[in-house]
PDB file of N, CA and C in Angstrom:
ATOM      1  N   MET A   1     230.823  44.006  68.251  1.00  0.00           N
ATOM      2  CA  MET A   1     230.174  42.789  67.835  1.00  0.00           C
ATOM      3  C   MET A   1     231.079  42.049  66.842  1.00  0.00           C
ATOM      4  N   ALA A   2     231.090  40.731  66.916  1.00  0.00           N
ATOM      5  CA  ALA A   2     231.970  39.929  66.072  1.00  0.00           C
ATOM      6  C   ALA A   2     231.468  39.878  64.631  1.00  0.00           C
ATOM      7  N   LEU A   3     232.397  39.720  63.705  1.00  0.00           N
ATOM      8  CA  LEU A   3     232.065  39.617  62.288  1.00  0.00           C
ATOM      9  C   LEU A   3     232.224  38.171  61.825  1.00  0.00           C
ATOM     10  N   GLN A   4     231.450  37.808  60.816  1.00  0.00           N
ATOM     11  CA  GLN A   4     231.563  36.470  60.250  1.00  0.00           C
ATOM     12  C   GLN A   4     232.902  36.327  59.544  1.00  0.00           C
ATOM     13  N   SER A   5     233.513  35.163  59.699  1.00  0.00           N
ATOM     14  CA  SER A   5     234.769  34.938  58.989  1.00  0.00           C
ATOM     15  C   SER A   5     234.508  34.527  57.543  1.00  0.00           C
ATOM     16  N   HIS A   6     233.375  33.859  57.287  1.00  0.00           N
ATOM     17  CA  HIS A   6     233.002  33.451  55.934  1.00  0.00           C
ATOM     18  C   HIS A   6     231.524  33.743  55.732  1.00  0.00           C
ATOM     19  N   HIS A   7     231.201  34.340  54.590  1.00  0.00           N
ATOM     20  CA  HIS A   7     229.808  34.675  54.285  1.00  0.00           C
ATOM     21  C   HIS A   7     229.070  33.424  53.816  1.00  0.00           C
ATOM     22  N   ARG A   8     227.900  33.163  54.406  1.00  0.00           N
ATOM     23  CA  ARG A   8     227.064  32.021  54.012  1.00  0.00           C
ATOM     24  C   ARG A   8     226.128  32.491  52.899  1.00  0.00           C
ATOM     25  N   THR A   9     226.260  31.903  51.716  1.00  0.00           N
ATOM     26  CA  THR A   9     225.450  32.341  50.579  1.00  0.00           C
ATOM     27  C   THR A   9     224.000  31.895  50.750  1.00  0.00           C
ATOM     28  N   SER A  10     223.087  32.592  50.074  1.00  0.00           N
ATOM     29  CA  SER A  10     221.665  32.253  50.190  1.00  0.00           C
ATOM     30  C   SER A  10     221.377  30.875  49.603  1.00  0.00           C
ATOM     31  N   SER A  11     222.077  30.495  48.545  1.00  0.00           N
ATOM     32  CA  SER A  11     221.840  29.174  47.951  1.00  0.00           C
ATOM     33  C   SER A  11     222.285  28.063  48.902  1.00  0.00           C
ATOM     34  N   HIS A  12     223.355  28.280  49.635  1.00  0.00           N
ATOM     35  CA  HIS A  12     223.821  27.281  50.595  1.00  0.00           C
ATOM     36  C   HIS A  12     222.814  27.135  51.732  1.00  0.00           C
ATOM     37  N   LYS A  13     222.242  28.233  52.187  1.00  0.00           N
ATOM     38  CA  LYS A  13     221.230  28.181  53.242  1.00  0.00           C
ATOM     39  C   LYS A  13     219.995  27.427  52.766  1.00  0.00           C
ATOM     40  N   ARG A  14     219.589  27.661  51.528  1.00  0.00           N
ATOM     41  CA  ARG A  14     218.397  26.994  50.994  1.00  0.00           C
ATOM     42  C   ARG A  14     218.631  25.493  50.817  1.00  0.00           C
ATOM     43  N   ARG A  15     219.826  25.120  50.394  1.00  0.00           N
ATOM     44  CA  ARG A  15     220.132  23.693  50.234  1.00  0.00           C
ATOM     45  C   ARG A  15     220.105  22.992  51.592  1.00  0.00           C
ATOM     46  N   ARG A  16     220.618  23.646  52.622  1.00  0.00           N
ATOM     47  CA  ARG A  16     220.612  23.069  53.959  1.00  0.00           C
ATOM     48  C   ARG A  16     219.183  22.966  54.488  1.00  0.00           C
ATOM     49  N   ALA A  17     218.365  23.975  54.214  1.00  0.00           N
ATOM     50  CA  ALA A  17     216.997  24.011  54.714  1.00  0.00           C
ATOM     51  C   ALA A  17     216.056  23.098  53.937  1.00  0.00           C
ATOM     52  N   ALA A  18     216.492  22.525  52.841  1.00  0.00           N
ATOM     53  CA  ALA A  18     215.633  21.659  52.033  1.00  0.00           C
ATOM     54  C   ALA A  18     215.191  20.422  52.815  1.00  0.00           C
ATOM     55  N   HIS A  19     215.942  20.013  53.830  1.00  0.00           N
ATOM     56  CA  HIS A  19     215.612  18.829  54.622  1.00  0.00           C
ATOM     57  C   HIS A  19     214.602  19.132  55.722  1.00  0.00           C
ATOM     58  N   PHE A  20     214.259  20.403  55.925  1.00  0.00           N
ATOM     59  CA  PHE A  20     213.358  20.775  57.010  1.00  0.00           C
ATOM     60  C   PHE A  20     211.890  20.568  56.656  1.00  0.00           C
ATOM     61  N   ALA A  21     211.578  20.288  55.404  1.00  0.00           N
ATOM     62  CA  ALA A  21     210.185  20.147  54.973  1.00  0.00           C
ATOM     63  C   ALA A  21     209.546  18.929  55.636  1.00  0.00           C
ATOM     64  N   LEU A  22     208.256  19.022  55.928  1.00  0.00           N
ATOM     65  CA  LEU A  22     207.527  17.906  56.516  1.00  0.00           C
ATOM     66  C   LEU A  22     207.236  16.859  55.447  1.00  0.00           C
ATOM     67  N   LYS A  23     207.306  15.603  55.820  1.00  0.00           N
ATOM     68  CA  LYS A  23     207.038  14.508  54.894  1.00  0.00           C
ATOM     69  C   LYS A  23     205.534  14.226  54.868  1.00  0.00           C
ATOM     70  N   LYS A  24     205.012  13.864  53.707  1.00  0.00           N
ATOM     71  CA  LYS A  24     203.608  13.487  53.601  1.00  0.00           C
ATOM     72  C   LYS A  24     203.440  12.079  54.157  1.00  0.00           C
ATOM     73  N   ILE A  25     202.372  11.875  54.916  1.00  0.00           N
ATOM     74  CA  ILE A  25     202.125  10.539  55.451  1.00  0.00           C
ATOM     75  C   ILE A  25     201.421   9.704  54.389  1.00  0.00           C
ATOM     76  N   LYS A  26     201.781   8.447  54.321  1.00  0.00           N
ATOM     77  CA  LYS A  26     201.210   7.544  53.331  1.00  0.00           C
ATOM     78  C   LYS A  26     200.080   6.761  53.991  1.00  0.00           C
ATOM     79  N   LEU A  27     198.893   6.861  53.409  1.00  0.00           N
ATOM     80  CA  LEU A  27     197.721   6.189  53.954  1.00  0.00           C
ATOM     81  C   LEU A  27     197.252   5.086  53.011  1.00  0.00           C
ATOM     82  N   SER A  28     196.682   4.052  53.600  1.00  0.00           N
ATOM     83  CA  SER A  28     196.056   2.998  52.814  1.00  0.00           C
ATOM     84  C   SER A  28     194.708   2.682  53.458  1.00  0.00           C
ATOM     85  N   ALA A  29     193.913   1.863  52.807  1.00  0.00           N
ATOM     86  CA  ALA A  29     192.586   1.527  53.319  1.00  0.00           C
ATOM     87  C   ALA A  29     192.670   0.343  54.275  1.00  0.00           C
ATOM     88  N   CYS A  30     191.904   0.409  55.346  1.00  0.00           N
ATOM     89  CA  CYS A  30     191.806  -0.697  56.302  1.00  0.00           C
ATOM     90  C   CYS A  30     191.073  -1.855  55.633  1.00  0.00           C
ATOM     91  N   LYS A  31     191.534  -3.074  55.858  1.00  0.00           N
ATOM     92  CA  LYS A  31     190.916  -4.245  55.234  1.00  0.00           C
ATOM     93  C   LYS A  31     189.566  -4.592  55.865  1.00  0.00           C
ATOM     94  N   GLU A  32     189.345  -4.161  57.104  1.00  0.00           N
ATOM     95  CA  GLU A  32     188.087  -4.464  57.793  1.00  0.00           C
ATOM     96  C   GLU A  32     187.007  -3.421  57.527  1.00  0.00           C
ATOM     97  N   CYS A  33     187.327  -2.135  57.799  1.00  0.00           N
ATOM     98  CA  CYS A  33     186.288  -1.103  57.731  1.00  0.00           C
ATOM     99  C   CYS A  33     186.462  -0.134  56.565  1.00  0.00           C
ATOM    100  N   GLY A  34     187.608  -0.161  55.886  1.00  0.00           N
ATOM    101  CA  GLY A  34     187.834   0.726  54.748  1.00  0.00           C
ATOM    102  C   GLY A  34     188.311   2.116  55.122  1.00  0.00           C
ATOM    103  N   GLY A  35     188.555   2.366  56.401  1.00  0.00           N
ATOM    104  CA  GLY A  35     189.034   3.676  56.847  1.00  0.00           C
ATOM    105  C   GLY A  35     190.499   3.888  56.502  1.00  0.00           C
ATOM    106  N   ALA A  36     190.930   5.142  56.520  1.00  0.00           N
ATOM    107  CA  ALA A  36     192.323   5.479  56.216  1.00  0.00           C
ATOM    108  C   ALA A  36     193.214   5.102  57.395  1.00  0.00           C
ATOM    109  N   VAL A  37     194.324   4.416  57.105  1.00  0.00           N
ATOM    110  CA  VAL A  37     195.240   3.972  58.157  1.00  0.00           C
ATOM    111  C   VAL A  37     196.671   4.019  57.635  1.00  0.00           C
ATOM    112  N   GLN A  38     197.622   4.365  58.510  1.00  0.00           N
ATOM    113  CA  GLN A  38     199.034   4.368  58.150  1.00  0.00           C
ATOM    114  C   GLN A  38     199.561   2.939  58.180  1.00  0.00           C
ATOM    115  N   SER A  39     200.657   2.700  57.453  1.00  0.00           N
ATOM    116  CA  SER A  39     201.273   1.379  57.439  1.00  0.00           C
ATOM    117  C   SER A  39     201.813   1.036  58.825  1.00  0.00           C
ATOM    118  N   HIS A  40     201.683  -0.208  59.231  1.00  0.00           N
ATOM    119  CA  HIS A  40     202.197  -0.725  60.499  1.00  0.00           C
ATOM    120  C   HIS A  40     201.596  -0.014  61.706  1.00  0.00           C
ATOM    121  N   ARG A  41     200.325   0.402  61.596  1.00  0.00           N
ATOM    122  CA  ARG A  41     199.624   1.058  62.696  1.00  0.00           C
ATOM    123  C   ARG A  41     198.236   0.429  62.846  1.00  0.00           C
ATOM    124  N   LEU A  42     197.653   0.552  64.033  1.00  0.00           N
ATOM    125  CA  LEU A  42     196.282   0.117  64.246  1.00  0.00           C
ATOM    126  C   LEU A  42     195.332   1.046  63.517  1.00  0.00           C
ATOM    127  N   CYS A  43     194.219   0.508  63.069  1.00  0.00           N
ATOM    128  CA  CYS A  43     193.182   1.338  62.455  1.00  0.00           C
ATOM    129  C   CYS A  43     192.529   2.159  63.569  1.00  0.00           C
ATOM    130  N   PRO A  44     192.442   3.491  63.419  1.00  0.00           N
ATOM    131  CA  PRO A  44     191.847   4.302  64.482  1.00  0.00           C
ATOM    132  C   PRO A  44     190.345   4.070  64.659  1.00  0.00           C
ATOM    133  N   LYS A  45     189.669   3.561  63.627  1.00  0.00           N
ATOM    134  CA  LYS A  45     188.221   3.343  63.719  1.00  0.00           C
ATOM    135  C   LYS A  45     187.880   2.005  64.372  1.00  0.00           C
ATOM    136  N   CYS A  46     188.437   0.919  63.833  1.00  0.00           N
ATOM    137  CA  CYS A  46     188.021  -0.409  64.302  1.00  0.00           C
ATOM    138  C   CYS A  46     189.092  -1.137  65.115  1.00  0.00           C
ATOM    139  N   GLY A  47     190.337  -0.664  65.121  1.00  0.00           N
ATOM    140  CA  GLY A  47     191.390  -1.303  65.898  1.00  0.00           C
ATOM    141  C   GLY A  47     192.021  -2.505  65.216  1.00  0.00           C
ATOM    142  N   HIS A  48     191.735  -2.743  63.951  1.00  0.00           N
ATOM    143  CA  HIS A  48     192.283  -3.884  63.215  1.00  0.00           C
ATOM    144  C   HIS A  48     193.761  -3.651  62.923  1.00  0.00           C
ATOM    145  N   TYR A  49     194.559  -4.733  62.998  1.00  0.00           N
ATOM    146  CA  TYR A  49     195.983  -4.647  62.688  1.00  0.00           C
ATOM    147  C   TYR A  49     196.430  -5.936  62.028  1.00  0.00           C
ATOM    148  N   GLN A  50     196.741  -5.916  60.755  1.00  0.00           N
ATOM    149  CA  GLN A  50     197.327  -7.028  59.993  1.00  0.00           C
ATOM    150  C   GLN A  50     196.767  -8.410  60.336  1.00  0.00           C
ATOM    151  N   LYS A  51     196.592  -9.234  59.404  1.00  0.00           N
ATOM    152  CA  LYS A  51     196.309 -10.669  59.533  1.00  0.00           C
ATOM    153  C   LYS A  51     195.333 -11.036  60.660  1.00  0.00           C
ATOM    154  N   GLY A  52     194.251 -10.313  60.790  1.00  0.00           N
ATOM    155  CA  GLY A  52     193.201 -10.705  61.719  1.00  0.00           C
ATOM    156  C   GLY A  52     193.392 -10.325  63.170  1.00  0.00           C
ATOM    157  N   LYS A  53     194.516  -9.705  63.538  1.00  0.00           N
ATOM    158  CA  LYS A  53     194.700  -9.298  64.926  1.00  0.00           C
ATOM    159  C   LYS A  53     193.812  -8.087  65.198  1.00  0.00           C
ATOM    160  N   LYS A  54     193.199  -8.046  66.374  1.00  0.00           N
ATOM    161  CA  LYS A  54     192.352  -6.907  66.733  1.00  0.00           C
ATOM    162  C   LYS A  54     192.716  -6.396  68.115  1.00  0.00           C
ATOM    163  N   LYS A  55     192.553  -5.101  68.282  1.00  0.00           N
ATOM    164  CA  LYS A  55     192.789  -4.480  69.582  1.00  0.00           C
ATOM    165  C   LYS A  55     191.596  -4.805  70.479  1.00  0.00           C
ATOM    166  N   GLU A  56     191.845  -5.187  71.693  1.00  0.00           N
ATOM    167  CA  GLU A  56     190.764  -5.547  72.632  1.00  0.00           C
ATOM    168  C   GLU A  56     190.314  -4.328  73.394  1.00  0.00           C
TER     169      GLU A  56
END
């Protein structure tokens, strides 16, 4: 079996793995119904999207 040419330290592995964490989603209140909605997305409850546009 082959051997590693350079040992990867545990701190180097942890620094690389720091980017693997999941990001928290940012929610705001819908202007029509007050439900939780992500930015630049339709409201899942009422279908409202920015400046009076509505999903049909």
